[in-house]
Amino acid sequence: MTIAAHRADRVLLYSIDWQQFENILKDLGDRRAARIAYDNGTLEIMTPLPEHEIYKEVISDAVKDIAEELEINYESYGSTTWRRERKMAGVEADNCFYFQNEALVRGRLDVNLNQDPPPDLALEIDVTSKSLDRFGIYARLGVPELWCYDSGELKIYHLQDGEYVESETSMVFPNLPIRELPKLIEENRADGRLAIRRAVRQWVRERGQ
């Protein structure tokens, strides 16, 4: 094991085989603030900053509010550790959701990518601050859609032929201009979380026809 980089909010490790990765996950445990990403022997362990967590929660709430307004069933698996040994890939999204495949995982506590489909949507916050490129990891895990929020901008990516391609629209919510969400959030942020959630629901009613 080689420590490649160490900062206050993250550590990057090289030459980590799969069993070492599994052992580190076990040692870290489930009740932790740190998030991990594993890419073919390189492991990043990162502790999110407050700004990161705020936008993670606000955008996650927006996804749920949109789905509920549109009466779309969903499952949210938060920062579950998704991994596939044969792909040498593992990641903990800031949040992840099942929509198209929701019925396959509904109410289940034992979802496993060795036998189940990956989440339909993963959310990543502040991607430029992360040392490992998440796109290649998510692609090998087969996640169809990514939302990446960074510096006030929300970008949407679809998986096509093993690579992510930026898109103006979401496959999950095709009739909504999802990229408008950051502006909507900022316009209501000073009034508190409840105001944001009300604004998102009103926006869906107005724009989701």
N, C-alpha and C. Protein backbone atom coordinates (compact mmCIF):
# COMPACT_ATOMS: atom_id res chain seq x y z
N MET A 1 0.85 -1.20 0.00
CA MET A 1 0.00 0.00 0.00
C MET A 1 0.88 1.24 0.00
N THR A 2 0.54 2.19 -0.88
CA THR A 2 1.29 3.43 -0.99
C THR A 2 0.36 4.61 -0.79
N ILE A 3 0.69 5.54 0.10
CA ILE A 3 -0.09 6.75 0.27
C ILE A 3 0.39 7.76 -0.76
N ALA A 4 -0.50 8.09 -1.70
CA ALA A 4 -0.11 8.98 -2.79
C ALA A 4 -0.32 10.44 -2.43
N ALA A 5 -1.36 10.72 -1.66
CA ALA A 5 -1.64 12.10 -1.30
C ALA A 5 -2.41 12.12 0.00
N HIS A 6 -2.19 13.16 0.77
CA HIS A 6 -2.91 13.29 2.03
C HIS A 6 -3.22 14.76 2.27
N ARG A 7 -4.53 15.07 2.38
CA ARG A 7 -4.96 16.41 2.69
C ARG A 7 -5.92 16.33 3.87
N ALA A 8 -6.33 17.48 4.37
CA ALA A 8 -7.19 17.50 5.56
C ALA A 8 -8.50 16.78 5.31
N ASP A 9 -8.98 16.81 4.06
CA ASP A 9 -10.29 16.24 3.79
C ASP A 9 -10.25 14.93 3.01
N ARG A 10 -9.03 14.42 2.70
CA ARG A 10 -8.98 13.18 1.93
C ARG A 10 -7.61 12.52 2.02
N VAL A 11 -7.62 11.22 1.72
CA VAL A 11 -6.37 10.48 1.56
C VAL A 11 -6.52 9.61 0.32
N LEU A 12 -5.45 9.52 -0.45
CA LEU A 12 -5.44 8.75 -1.68
C LEU A 12 -4.41 7.64 -1.54
N LEU A 13 -4.83 6.40 -1.73
CA LEU A 13 -3.96 5.24 -1.57
C LEU A 13 -3.81 4.51 -2.90
N TYR A 14 -2.56 4.09 -3.18
CA TYR A 14 -2.28 3.30 -4.37
C TYR A 14 -2.03 1.83 -4.00
N SER A 15 -2.07 0.99 -5.03
CA SER A 15 -1.71 -0.43 -4.91
C SER A 15 -2.56 -1.15 -3.87
N ILE A 16 -3.86 -0.92 -3.91
CA ILE A 16 -4.81 -1.58 -3.02
C ILE A 16 -5.51 -2.68 -3.81
N ASP A 17 -5.28 -3.94 -3.44
CA ASP A 17 -5.99 -5.01 -4.15
C ASP A 17 -7.41 -5.12 -3.61
N TRP A 18 -8.21 -5.98 -4.24
CA TRP A 18 -9.63 -6.04 -3.90
C TRP A 18 -9.86 -6.47 -2.46
N GLN A 19 -9.10 -7.44 -1.97
CA GLN A 19 -9.29 -7.90 -0.60
C GLN A 19 -8.92 -6.81 0.40
N GLN A 20 -7.87 -6.06 0.10
CA GLN A 20 -7.51 -4.93 0.96
C GLN A 20 -8.63 -3.89 0.97
N PHE A 21 -9.21 -3.65 -0.18
CA PHE A 21 -10.33 -2.72 -0.28
C PHE A 21 -11.49 -3.17 0.60
N GLU A 22 -11.83 -4.44 0.51
CA GLU A 22 -12.92 -4.98 1.33
C GLU A 22 -12.58 -4.87 2.81
N ASN A 23 -11.34 -5.14 3.16
CA ASN A 23 -10.93 -5.06 4.57
C ASN A 23 -11.00 -3.62 5.09
N ILE A 24 -10.60 -2.67 4.26
CA ILE A 24 -10.66 -1.27 4.65
C ILE A 24 -12.12 -0.84 4.87
N LEU A 25 -13.01 -1.28 3.98
CA LEU A 25 -14.43 -0.98 4.16
C LEU A 25 -14.94 -1.53 5.49
N LYS A 26 -14.52 -2.74 5.80
CA LYS A 26 -14.96 -3.36 7.06
C LYS A 26 -14.41 -2.60 8.25
N ASP A 27 -13.14 -2.19 8.17
CA ASP A 27 -12.53 -1.45 9.28
C ASP A 27 -13.18 -0.08 9.47
N LEU A 28 -13.53 0.57 8.36
CA LEU A 28 -14.16 1.88 8.45
C LEU A 28 -15.55 1.79 9.05
N GLY A 29 -16.25 0.69 8.76
CA GLY A 29 -17.59 0.50 9.31
C GLY A 29 -18.64 1.29 8.56
N ASP A 30 -19.89 1.11 8.97
CA ASP A 30 -21.02 1.75 8.30
C ASP A 30 -21.30 3.15 8.85
N ARG A 31 -20.99 3.37 10.12
CA ARG A 31 -21.32 4.66 10.74
C ARG A 31 -20.11 5.58 10.67
N ARG A 32 -19.97 6.22 9.53
CA ARG A 32 -18.81 7.08 9.29
C ARG A 32 -19.20 8.22 8.36
N ALA A 33 -18.47 9.29 8.45
CA ALA A 33 -18.71 10.43 7.57
C ALA A 33 -17.94 10.29 6.25
N ALA A 34 -16.82 9.56 6.29
CA ALA A 34 -15.97 9.45 5.11
C ALA A 34 -16.66 8.71 3.98
N ARG A 35 -16.36 9.12 2.75
CA ARG A 35 -16.86 8.45 1.55
C ARG A 35 -15.67 7.87 0.79
N ILE A 36 -15.92 6.80 0.07
CA ILE A 36 -14.84 6.14 -0.64
C ILE A 36 -15.15 6.03 -2.14
N ALA A 37 -14.06 5.90 -2.90
CA ALA A 37 -14.15 5.55 -4.31
C ALA A 37 -12.95 4.67 -4.62
N TYR A 38 -13.17 3.61 -5.39
CA TYR A 38 -12.10 2.66 -5.70
C TYR A 38 -12.05 2.44 -7.20
N ASP A 39 -10.86 2.60 -7.77
CA ASP A 39 -10.69 2.50 -9.22
C ASP A 39 -9.44 1.70 -9.54
N ASN A 40 -9.63 0.40 -9.74
CA ASN A 40 -8.55 -0.45 -10.24
C ASN A 40 -7.25 -0.31 -9.43
N GLY A 41 -7.39 -0.40 -8.09
CA GLY A 41 -6.23 -0.39 -7.23
C GLY A 41 -5.95 0.93 -6.52
N THR A 42 -6.63 1.99 -6.94
CA THR A 42 -6.47 3.29 -6.28
C THR A 42 -7.71 3.58 -5.44
N LEU A 43 -7.49 3.94 -4.19
CA LEU A 43 -8.59 4.17 -3.25
C LEU A 43 -8.53 5.59 -2.73
N GLU A 44 -9.65 6.30 -2.81
CA GLU A 44 -9.78 7.62 -2.21
C GLU A 44 -10.74 7.54 -1.04
N ILE A 45 -10.31 8.07 0.10
CA ILE A 45 -11.16 8.19 1.29
C ILE A 45 -11.31 9.67 1.55
N MET A 46 -12.54 10.15 1.52
CA MET A 46 -12.78 11.60 1.54
C MET A 46 -13.80 11.96 2.61
N THR A 47 -13.53 13.01 3.35
CA THR A 47 -14.47 13.51 4.36
C THR A 47 -15.15 14.76 3.80
N PRO A 48 -16.47 14.71 3.56
CA PRO A 48 -17.17 15.86 2.95
C PRO A 48 -17.16 17.09 3.86
N LEU A 49 -17.12 18.25 3.23
CA LEU A 49 -17.20 19.52 3.94
C LEU A 49 -18.66 19.94 4.09
N PRO A 50 -18.96 20.88 5.00
CA PRO A 50 -20.36 21.28 5.24
C PRO A 50 -21.10 21.74 3.99
N GLU A 51 -20.45 22.55 3.14
CA GLU A 51 -21.12 23.02 1.93
C GLU A 51 -21.54 21.85 1.05
N HIS A 52 -20.65 20.87 0.95
CA HIS A 52 -20.95 19.66 0.18
C HIS A 52 -22.21 18.98 0.72
N GLU A 53 -22.29 18.82 2.02
CA GLU A 53 -23.41 18.10 2.62
C GLU A 53 -24.73 18.87 2.47
N ILE A 54 -24.66 20.19 2.55
CA ILE A 54 -25.87 20.99 2.38
C ILE A 54 -26.46 20.79 0.99
N TYR A 55 -25.62 20.90 -0.05
CA TYR A 55 -26.14 20.75 -1.40
C TYR A 55 -26.54 19.30 -1.69
N LYS A 56 -25.85 18.36 -1.09
CA LYS A 56 -26.27 16.97 -1.23
C LYS A 56 -27.70 16.78 -0.73
N GLU A 57 -27.99 17.33 0.45
CA GLU A 57 -29.31 17.17 1.04
C GLU A 57 -30.37 17.93 0.26
N VAL A 58 -30.05 19.16 -0.13
CA VAL A 58 -31.04 19.99 -0.83
C VAL A 58 -31.42 19.38 -2.18
N ILE A 59 -30.42 18.93 -2.95
CA ILE A 59 -30.72 18.36 -4.27
C ILE A 59 -31.37 16.99 -4.12
N SER A 60 -30.96 16.22 -3.12
CA SER A 60 -31.63 14.94 -2.87
C SER A 60 -33.10 15.15 -2.53
N ASP A 61 -33.38 16.15 -1.68
CA ASP A 61 -34.77 16.47 -1.36
C ASP A 61 -35.53 16.88 -2.61
N ALA A 62 -34.88 17.64 -3.49
CA ALA A 62 -35.53 18.06 -4.73
C ALA A 62 -35.92 16.86 -5.59
N VAL A 63 -35.02 15.88 -5.69
CA VAL A 63 -35.34 14.67 -6.47
C VAL A 63 -36.57 13.98 -5.90
N LYS A 64 -36.62 13.85 -4.58
CA LYS A 64 -37.76 13.20 -3.94
C LYS A 64 -39.04 14.00 -4.12
N ASP A 65 -38.95 15.32 -3.97
CA ASP A 65 -40.13 16.17 -4.12
C ASP A 65 -40.67 16.11 -5.55
N ILE A 66 -39.76 16.12 -6.52
CA ILE A 66 -40.18 16.01 -7.92
C ILE A 66 -40.91 14.70 -8.15
N ALA A 67 -40.30 13.61 -7.69
CA ALA A 67 -40.92 12.29 -7.89
C ALA A 67 -42.29 12.22 -7.24
N GLU A 68 -42.42 12.77 -6.05
CA GLU A 68 -43.70 12.71 -5.36
C GLU A 68 -44.75 13.57 -6.05
N GLU A 69 -44.36 14.75 -6.54
CA GLU A 69 -45.30 15.59 -7.27
C GLU A 69 -45.77 14.91 -8.56
N LEU A 70 -44.86 14.19 -9.20
CA LEU A 70 -45.20 13.49 -10.44
C LEU A 70 -45.78 12.09 -10.18
N GLU A 71 -45.87 11.73 -8.90
CA GLU A 71 -46.41 10.43 -8.49
C GLU A 71 -45.62 9.28 -9.13
N ILE A 72 -44.29 9.41 -9.04
CA ILE A 72 -43.39 8.36 -9.52
C ILE A 72 -42.78 7.65 -8.33
N ASN A 73 -42.93 6.34 -8.26
CA ASN A 73 -42.35 5.58 -7.16
C ASN A 73 -40.83 5.56 -7.29
N TYR A 74 -40.14 5.57 -6.17
CA TYR A 74 -38.68 5.54 -6.18
C TYR A 74 -38.16 4.87 -4.92
N GLU A 75 -36.91 4.47 -4.97
CA GLU A 75 -36.17 4.03 -3.79
C GLU A 75 -34.88 4.84 -3.73
N SER A 76 -34.54 5.32 -2.55
CA SER A 76 -33.30 6.06 -2.35
C SER A 76 -32.36 5.23 -1.48
N TYR A 77 -31.16 4.99 -1.98
CA TYR A 77 -30.19 4.17 -1.25
C TYR A 77 -29.02 4.99 -0.72
N GLY A 78 -29.17 6.31 -0.67
CA GLY A 78 -28.17 7.16 -0.05
C GLY A 78 -26.76 6.89 -0.56
N SER A 79 -25.82 6.77 0.39
CA SER A 79 -24.41 6.56 0.04
C SER A 79 -24.00 5.10 0.18
N THR A 80 -24.86 4.21 -0.27
CA THR A 80 -24.53 2.78 -0.30
C THR A 80 -23.21 2.56 -1.04
N THR A 81 -22.42 1.60 -0.58
CA THR A 81 -21.18 1.25 -1.27
C THR A 81 -21.50 0.28 -2.40
N TRP A 82 -21.48 0.77 -3.62
CA TRP A 82 -21.71 -0.08 -4.78
C TRP A 82 -20.37 -0.56 -5.31
N ARG A 83 -20.25 -1.86 -5.57
CA ARG A 83 -18.96 -2.36 -6.04
C ARG A 83 -19.13 -3.65 -6.86
N ARG A 84 -18.18 -3.83 -7.77
CA ARG A 84 -18.12 -5.04 -8.58
C ARG A 84 -16.65 -5.45 -8.68
N GLU A 85 -16.35 -6.61 -8.14
CA GLU A 85 -14.95 -7.05 -8.12
C GLU A 85 -14.41 -7.26 -9.52
N ARG A 86 -15.19 -7.87 -10.39
CA ARG A 86 -14.66 -8.17 -11.73
C ARG A 86 -14.41 -6.89 -12.54
N LYS A 87 -15.03 -5.79 -12.13
CA LYS A 87 -14.79 -4.50 -12.78
C LYS A 87 -13.76 -3.67 -12.02
N MET A 88 -13.30 -4.17 -10.86
CA MET A 88 -12.35 -3.45 -10.00
C MET A 88 -12.82 -2.01 -9.78
N ALA A 89 -14.09 -1.88 -9.41
CA ALA A 89 -14.69 -0.56 -9.25
C ALA A 89 -15.61 -0.54 -8.05
N GLY A 90 -15.56 0.56 -7.31
CA GLY A 90 -16.46 0.74 -6.18
C GLY A 90 -16.64 2.22 -5.90
N VAL A 91 -17.82 2.61 -5.45
CA VAL A 91 -18.06 4.03 -5.19
C VAL A 91 -19.23 4.20 -4.23
N GLU A 92 -19.19 5.28 -3.48
CA GLU A 92 -20.31 5.69 -2.66
C GLU A 92 -20.79 7.04 -3.19
N ALA A 93 -21.94 7.03 -3.84
CA ALA A 93 -22.49 8.27 -4.39
C ALA A 93 -22.92 9.19 -3.25
N ASP A 94 -23.11 10.46 -3.56
CA ASP A 94 -23.68 11.35 -2.55
C ASP A 94 -25.14 10.98 -2.29
N ASN A 95 -25.80 10.48 -3.30
CA ASN A 95 -27.09 9.82 -3.15
C ASN A 95 -27.34 9.06 -4.44
N CYS A 96 -28.22 8.08 -4.37
CA CYS A 96 -28.55 7.32 -5.57
C CYS A 96 -30.00 6.85 -5.46
N PHE A 97 -30.62 6.68 -6.63
CA PHE A 97 -32.05 6.40 -6.68
C PHE A 97 -32.37 5.33 -7.72
N TYR A 98 -33.39 4.57 -7.41
CA TYR A 98 -34.00 3.68 -8.39
C TYR A 98 -35.33 4.28 -8.82
N PHE A 99 -35.54 4.36 -10.12
CA PHE A 99 -36.81 4.80 -10.70
C PHE A 99 -37.32 3.76 -11.68
N GLN A 100 -36.64 3.63 -12.83
CA GLN A 100 -37.06 2.66 -13.83
C GLN A 100 -37.04 1.24 -13.27
N ASN A 101 -36.08 0.94 -12.43
CA ASN A 101 -35.96 -0.41 -11.85
C ASN A 101 -36.43 -0.47 -10.40
N GLU A 102 -37.24 0.51 -10.01
CA GLU A 102 -37.68 0.58 -8.61
C GLU A 102 -38.40 -0.69 -8.16
N ALA A 103 -39.24 -1.23 -9.03
CA ALA A 103 -40.02 -2.41 -8.64
C ALA A 103 -39.14 -3.61 -8.32
N LEU A 104 -37.95 -3.66 -8.92
CA LEU A 104 -37.05 -4.80 -8.71
C LEU A 104 -36.37 -4.76 -7.34
N VAL A 105 -36.30 -3.59 -6.73
CA VAL A 105 -35.60 -3.46 -5.45
C VAL A 105 -36.52 -2.97 -4.33
N ARG A 106 -37.78 -2.81 -4.63
CA ARG A 106 -38.72 -2.19 -3.68
C ARG A 106 -38.69 -2.89 -2.32
N GLY A 107 -38.39 -2.10 -1.29
CA GLY A 107 -38.42 -2.62 0.08
C GLY A 107 -37.31 -3.56 0.45
N ARG A 108 -36.36 -3.77 -0.44
CA ARG A 108 -35.30 -4.75 -0.17
C ARG A 108 -34.11 -4.15 0.56
N LEU A 109 -33.48 -4.96 1.41
CA LEU A 109 -32.30 -4.53 2.15
C LEU A 109 -31.04 -5.25 1.69
N ASP A 110 -31.16 -6.08 0.65
CA ASP A 110 -30.04 -6.93 0.23
C ASP A 110 -29.66 -6.72 -1.23
N VAL A 111 -29.81 -5.50 -1.74
CA VAL A 111 -29.49 -5.23 -3.14
C VAL A 111 -27.99 -5.43 -3.37
N ASN A 112 -27.65 -6.14 -4.44
CA ASN A 112 -26.27 -6.51 -4.73
C ASN A 112 -26.06 -6.42 -6.24
N LEU A 113 -25.05 -5.68 -6.68
CA LEU A 113 -24.84 -5.50 -8.11
C LEU A 113 -24.43 -6.77 -8.83
N ASN A 114 -24.08 -7.80 -8.09
CA ASN A 114 -23.77 -9.08 -8.74
C ASN A 114 -25.02 -9.75 -9.29
N GLN A 115 -26.19 -9.32 -8.80
CA GLN A 115 -27.42 -9.93 -9.26
C GLN A 115 -28.52 -8.92 -9.58
N ASP A 116 -28.35 -7.69 -9.14
CA ASP A 116 -29.37 -6.66 -9.33
C ASP A 116 -28.86 -5.54 -10.22
N PRO A 117 -29.77 -4.78 -10.84
CA PRO A 117 -29.34 -3.64 -11.65
C PRO A 117 -28.78 -2.53 -10.76
N PRO A 118 -27.91 -1.69 -11.33
CA PRO A 118 -27.39 -0.55 -10.55
C PRO A 118 -28.47 0.51 -10.40
N PRO A 119 -28.26 1.49 -9.53
CA PRO A 119 -29.22 2.59 -9.43
C PRO A 119 -29.42 3.27 -10.78
N ASP A 120 -30.61 3.80 -11.00
CA ASP A 120 -30.92 4.48 -12.26
C ASP A 120 -30.33 5.89 -12.29
N LEU A 121 -30.11 6.47 -11.12
CA LEU A 121 -29.60 7.83 -11.04
C LEU A 121 -28.66 7.95 -9.86
N ALA A 122 -27.49 8.54 -10.08
CA ALA A 122 -26.55 8.83 -8.99
C ALA A 122 -26.27 10.32 -8.96
N LEU A 123 -26.11 10.84 -7.74
CA LEU A 123 -25.85 12.26 -7.54
C LEU A 123 -24.44 12.45 -7.00
N GLU A 124 -23.69 13.33 -7.65
CA GLU A 124 -22.34 13.67 -7.21
C GLU A 124 -22.24 15.18 -7.00
N ILE A 125 -21.74 15.58 -5.84
CA ILE A 125 -21.60 16.99 -5.50
C ILE A 125 -20.13 17.40 -5.54
N ASP A 126 -19.86 18.55 -6.14
CA ASP A 126 -18.51 19.14 -6.12
C ASP A 126 -17.48 18.17 -6.70
N VAL A 127 -17.69 17.75 -7.93
CA VAL A 127 -16.84 16.72 -8.52
C VAL A 127 -15.40 17.18 -8.72
N THR A 128 -15.15 18.49 -8.85
CA THR A 128 -13.79 18.94 -9.13
C THR A 128 -12.87 18.80 -7.93
N SER A 129 -13.45 18.64 -6.72
CA SER A 129 -12.61 18.52 -5.53
C SER A 129 -12.17 17.09 -5.27
N LYS A 130 -12.66 16.15 -6.07
CA LYS A 130 -12.36 14.74 -5.85
C LYS A 130 -11.20 14.31 -6.74
N SER A 131 -10.27 13.57 -6.15
CA SER A 131 -9.06 13.21 -6.88
C SER A 131 -9.32 12.14 -7.94
N LEU A 132 -10.16 11.17 -7.62
CA LEU A 132 -10.45 10.10 -8.57
C LEU A 132 -11.58 10.51 -9.52
N ASP A 133 -11.42 10.17 -10.78
CA ASP A 133 -12.46 10.43 -11.77
C ASP A 133 -13.62 9.45 -11.55
N ARG A 134 -14.74 9.96 -11.08
CA ARG A 134 -15.90 9.10 -10.81
C ARG A 134 -16.55 8.54 -12.07
N PHE A 135 -16.39 9.22 -13.18
CA PHE A 135 -17.11 8.81 -14.38
C PHE A 135 -16.75 7.38 -14.82
N GLY A 136 -15.46 7.08 -14.81
CA GLY A 136 -15.05 5.74 -15.21
C GLY A 136 -15.55 4.67 -14.26
N ILE A 137 -15.62 5.00 -12.97
CA ILE A 137 -16.11 4.04 -11.98
C ILE A 137 -17.59 3.78 -12.20
N TYR A 138 -18.37 4.84 -12.31
CA TYR A 138 -19.81 4.68 -12.52
C TYR A 138 -20.10 3.94 -13.83
N ALA A 139 -19.31 4.23 -14.85
CA ALA A 139 -19.51 3.57 -16.14
C ALA A 139 -19.33 2.06 -16.01
N ARG A 140 -18.30 1.63 -15.28
CA ARG A 140 -18.06 0.20 -15.12
C ARG A 140 -19.12 -0.45 -14.24
N LEU A 141 -19.73 0.34 -13.37
CA LEU A 141 -20.84 -0.19 -12.56
C LEU A 141 -22.15 -0.17 -13.33
N GLY A 142 -22.20 0.58 -14.42
CA GLY A 142 -23.38 0.56 -15.29
C GLY A 142 -24.50 1.50 -14.89
N VAL A 143 -24.20 2.57 -14.14
CA VAL A 143 -25.22 3.53 -13.73
C VAL A 143 -25.64 4.37 -14.94
N PRO A 144 -26.93 4.35 -15.33
CA PRO A 144 -27.34 5.00 -16.59
C PRO A 144 -27.28 6.51 -16.60
N GLU A 145 -27.47 7.16 -15.43
CA GLU A 145 -27.55 8.62 -15.42
C GLU A 145 -26.86 9.19 -14.19
N LEU A 146 -26.09 10.26 -14.41
CA LEU A 146 -25.42 10.99 -13.34
C LEU A 146 -25.89 12.44 -13.34
N TRP A 147 -26.11 12.97 -12.14
CA TRP A 147 -26.27 14.41 -11.97
C TRP A 147 -25.06 14.90 -11.19
N CYS A 148 -24.34 15.86 -11.74
CA CYS A 148 -23.13 16.38 -11.10
C CYS A 148 -23.31 17.87 -10.82
N TYR A 149 -23.31 18.23 -9.54
CA TYR A 149 -23.44 19.63 -9.14
C TYR A 149 -22.07 20.17 -8.76
N ASP A 150 -21.74 21.31 -9.33
CA ASP A 150 -20.44 21.91 -9.03
C ASP A 150 -20.53 23.41 -9.32
N SER A 151 -20.16 24.22 -8.32
CA SER A 151 -20.06 25.68 -8.49
C SER A 151 -21.33 26.29 -9.06
N GLY A 152 -22.48 25.88 -8.52
CA GLY A 152 -23.75 26.47 -8.91
C GLY A 152 -24.34 25.94 -10.19
N GLU A 153 -23.75 24.90 -10.76
CA GLU A 153 -24.23 24.34 -12.03
C GLU A 153 -24.51 22.85 -11.87
N LEU A 154 -25.63 22.42 -12.42
CA LEU A 154 -26.00 21.01 -12.39
C LEU A 154 -25.94 20.46 -13.81
N LYS A 155 -25.05 19.47 -14.00
CA LYS A 155 -24.91 18.85 -15.32
C LYS A 155 -25.46 17.43 -15.28
N ILE A 156 -26.03 17.03 -16.40
CA ILE A 156 -26.66 15.71 -16.54
C ILE A 156 -25.85 14.90 -17.54
N TYR A 157 -25.57 13.65 -17.18
CA TYR A 157 -24.82 12.77 -18.07
C TYR A 157 -25.54 11.44 -18.24
N HIS A 158 -25.56 10.95 -19.48
CA HIS A 158 -26.14 9.65 -19.78
C HIS A 158 -25.04 8.69 -20.22
N LEU A 159 -25.15 7.45 -19.80
CA LEU A 159 -24.18 6.42 -20.19
C LEU A 159 -24.50 5.90 -21.58
N GLN A 160 -23.57 6.07 -22.49
CA GLN A 160 -23.75 5.60 -23.87
C GLN A 160 -22.49 4.90 -24.33
N ASP A 161 -22.63 3.63 -24.68
CA ASP A 161 -21.49 2.83 -25.18
C ASP A 161 -20.30 2.89 -24.22
N GLY A 162 -20.60 2.81 -22.92
CA GLY A 162 -19.55 2.73 -21.92
C GLY A 162 -18.95 4.06 -21.50
N GLU A 163 -19.47 5.18 -22.01
CA GLU A 163 -18.96 6.50 -21.65
C GLU A 163 -20.12 7.44 -21.36
N TYR A 164 -19.84 8.46 -20.54
CA TYR A 164 -20.88 9.42 -20.20
C TYR A 164 -20.86 10.60 -21.18
N VAL A 165 -22.07 10.93 -21.64
CA VAL A 165 -22.26 12.02 -22.58
C VAL A 165 -23.19 13.04 -21.93
N GLU A 166 -22.77 14.32 -21.94
CA GLU A 166 -23.60 15.34 -21.32
C GLU A 166 -24.90 15.53 -22.09
N SER A 167 -25.97 15.77 -21.34
CA SER A 167 -27.30 15.91 -21.94
C SER A 167 -28.02 17.11 -21.31
N GLU A 168 -28.91 17.71 -22.05
CA GLU A 168 -29.72 18.79 -21.53
C GLU A 168 -30.91 18.28 -20.72
N THR A 169 -31.30 17.03 -20.93
CA THR A 169 -32.49 16.50 -20.28
C THR A 169 -32.17 15.24 -19.48
N SER A 170 -33.05 14.93 -18.55
CA SER A 170 -32.90 13.75 -17.71
C SER A 170 -33.77 12.61 -18.24
N MET A 171 -33.26 11.40 -18.20
CA MET A 171 -34.07 10.24 -18.57
C MET A 171 -35.11 9.96 -17.50
N VAL A 172 -34.81 10.32 -16.25
CA VAL A 172 -35.73 10.08 -15.15
C VAL A 172 -36.90 11.05 -15.19
N PHE A 173 -36.60 12.33 -15.45
CA PHE A 173 -37.64 13.37 -15.52
C PHE A 173 -37.53 14.09 -16.86
N PRO A 174 -37.90 13.44 -17.95
CA PRO A 174 -37.64 14.00 -19.29
C PRO A 174 -38.39 15.28 -19.60
N ASN A 175 -39.48 15.56 -18.89
CA ASN A 175 -40.29 16.74 -19.21
C ASN A 175 -39.95 17.96 -18.37
N LEU A 176 -38.92 17.86 -17.54
CA LEU A 176 -38.55 18.97 -16.68
C LEU A 176 -37.16 19.50 -17.04
N PRO A 177 -36.98 20.81 -17.04
CA PRO A 177 -35.64 21.41 -17.28
C PRO A 177 -34.81 21.32 -16.00
N ILE A 178 -34.30 20.16 -15.71
CA ILE A 178 -33.62 19.88 -14.44
C ILE A 178 -32.46 20.82 -14.17
N ARG A 179 -31.81 21.29 -15.22
CA ARG A 179 -30.64 22.17 -15.04
C ARG A 179 -31.02 23.51 -14.40
N GLU A 180 -32.33 23.80 -14.30
CA GLU A 180 -32.77 25.02 -13.64
C GLU A 180 -32.75 24.91 -12.11
N LEU A 181 -32.60 23.70 -11.58
CA LEU A 181 -32.70 23.50 -10.13
C LEU A 181 -31.74 24.37 -9.30
N PRO A 182 -30.47 24.49 -9.65
CA PRO A 182 -29.58 25.33 -8.83
C PRO A 182 -30.07 26.77 -8.70
N LYS A 183 -30.57 27.35 -9.78
CA LYS A 183 -31.09 28.72 -9.75
C LYS A 183 -32.29 28.79 -8.81
N LEU A 184 -33.17 27.81 -8.90
CA LEU A 184 -34.34 27.77 -8.04
C LEU A 184 -33.93 27.66 -6.56
N ILE A 185 -32.94 26.83 -6.30
CA ILE A 185 -32.46 26.65 -4.93
C ILE A 185 -31.87 27.95 -4.39
N GLU A 186 -31.04 28.62 -5.20
CA GLU A 186 -30.40 29.85 -4.75
C GLU A 186 -31.42 30.95 -4.50
N GLU A 187 -32.45 31.01 -5.31
CA GLU A 187 -33.47 32.04 -5.15
C GLU A 187 -34.22 31.90 -3.82
N ASN A 188 -34.24 30.70 -3.26
CA ASN A 188 -35.02 30.45 -2.05
C ASN A 188 -34.17 30.05 -0.85
N ARG A 189 -32.86 29.96 -1.03
CA ARG A 189 -31.98 29.44 0.03
C ARG A 189 -32.03 30.29 1.30
N ALA A 190 -32.10 31.60 1.15
CA ALA A 190 -32.11 32.48 2.31
C ALA A 190 -33.38 32.33 3.15
N ASP A 191 -34.43 31.76 2.56
CA ASP A 191 -35.70 31.59 3.28
C ASP A 191 -35.81 30.23 3.96
N GLY A 192 -34.78 29.39 3.81
CA GLY A 192 -34.78 28.13 4.53
C GLY A 192 -35.17 26.93 3.69
N ARG A 193 -34.94 25.77 4.28
CA ARG A 193 -35.15 24.50 3.57
C ARG A 193 -36.61 24.29 3.16
N LEU A 194 -37.54 24.66 4.04
CA LEU A 194 -38.95 24.46 3.72
C LEU A 194 -39.36 25.29 2.51
N ALA A 195 -38.85 26.52 2.44
CA ALA A 195 -39.16 27.38 1.29
C ALA A 195 -38.63 26.77 0.00
N ILE A 196 -37.44 26.18 0.05
CA ILE A 196 -36.87 25.54 -1.15
C ILE A 196 -37.76 24.40 -1.60
N ARG A 197 -38.18 23.58 -0.65
CA ARG A 197 -38.98 22.41 -1.02
C ARG A 197 -40.34 22.82 -1.58
N ARG A 198 -40.92 23.85 -1.02
CA ARG A 198 -42.19 24.35 -1.56
C ARG A 198 -42.00 24.90 -2.97
N ALA A 199 -40.90 25.63 -3.17
CA ALA A 199 -40.62 26.20 -4.49
C ALA A 199 -40.40 25.11 -5.53
N VAL A 200 -39.70 24.05 -5.16
CA VAL A 200 -39.47 22.95 -6.09
C VAL A 200 -40.79 22.30 -6.48
N ARG A 201 -41.65 22.07 -5.52
CA ARG A 201 -42.94 21.44 -5.81
C ARG A 201 -43.80 22.34 -6.71
N GLN A 202 -43.78 23.64 -6.44
CA GLN A 202 -44.53 24.55 -7.30
C GLN A 202 -43.96 24.58 -8.71
N TRP A 203 -42.64 24.56 -8.81
CA TRP A 203 -41.95 24.53 -10.11
C TRP A 203 -42.35 23.29 -10.91
N VAL A 204 -42.45 22.15 -10.25
CA VAL A 204 -42.87 20.92 -10.92
C VAL A 204 -44.28 21.06 -11.44
N ARG A 205 -45.16 21.63 -10.63
CA ARG A 205 -46.55 21.78 -11.06
C ARG A 205 -46.67 22.70 -12.27
N GLU A 206 -45.79 23.72 -12.31
CA GLU A 206 -45.84 24.67 -13.41
C GLU A 206 -45.13 24.18 -14.66
N ARG A 207 -44.01 23.47 -14.49
CA ARG A 207 -43.16 23.09 -15.63
C ARG A 207 -43.33 21.64 -16.07
N GLY A 208 -43.93 20.82 -15.24
CA GLY A 208 -43.98 19.39 -15.55
C GLY A 208 -45.22 18.93 -16.27
N GLN A 209 -45.88 19.85 -16.94
CA GLN A 209 -47.11 19.48 -17.64
C GLN A 209 -46.78 18.73 -18.93
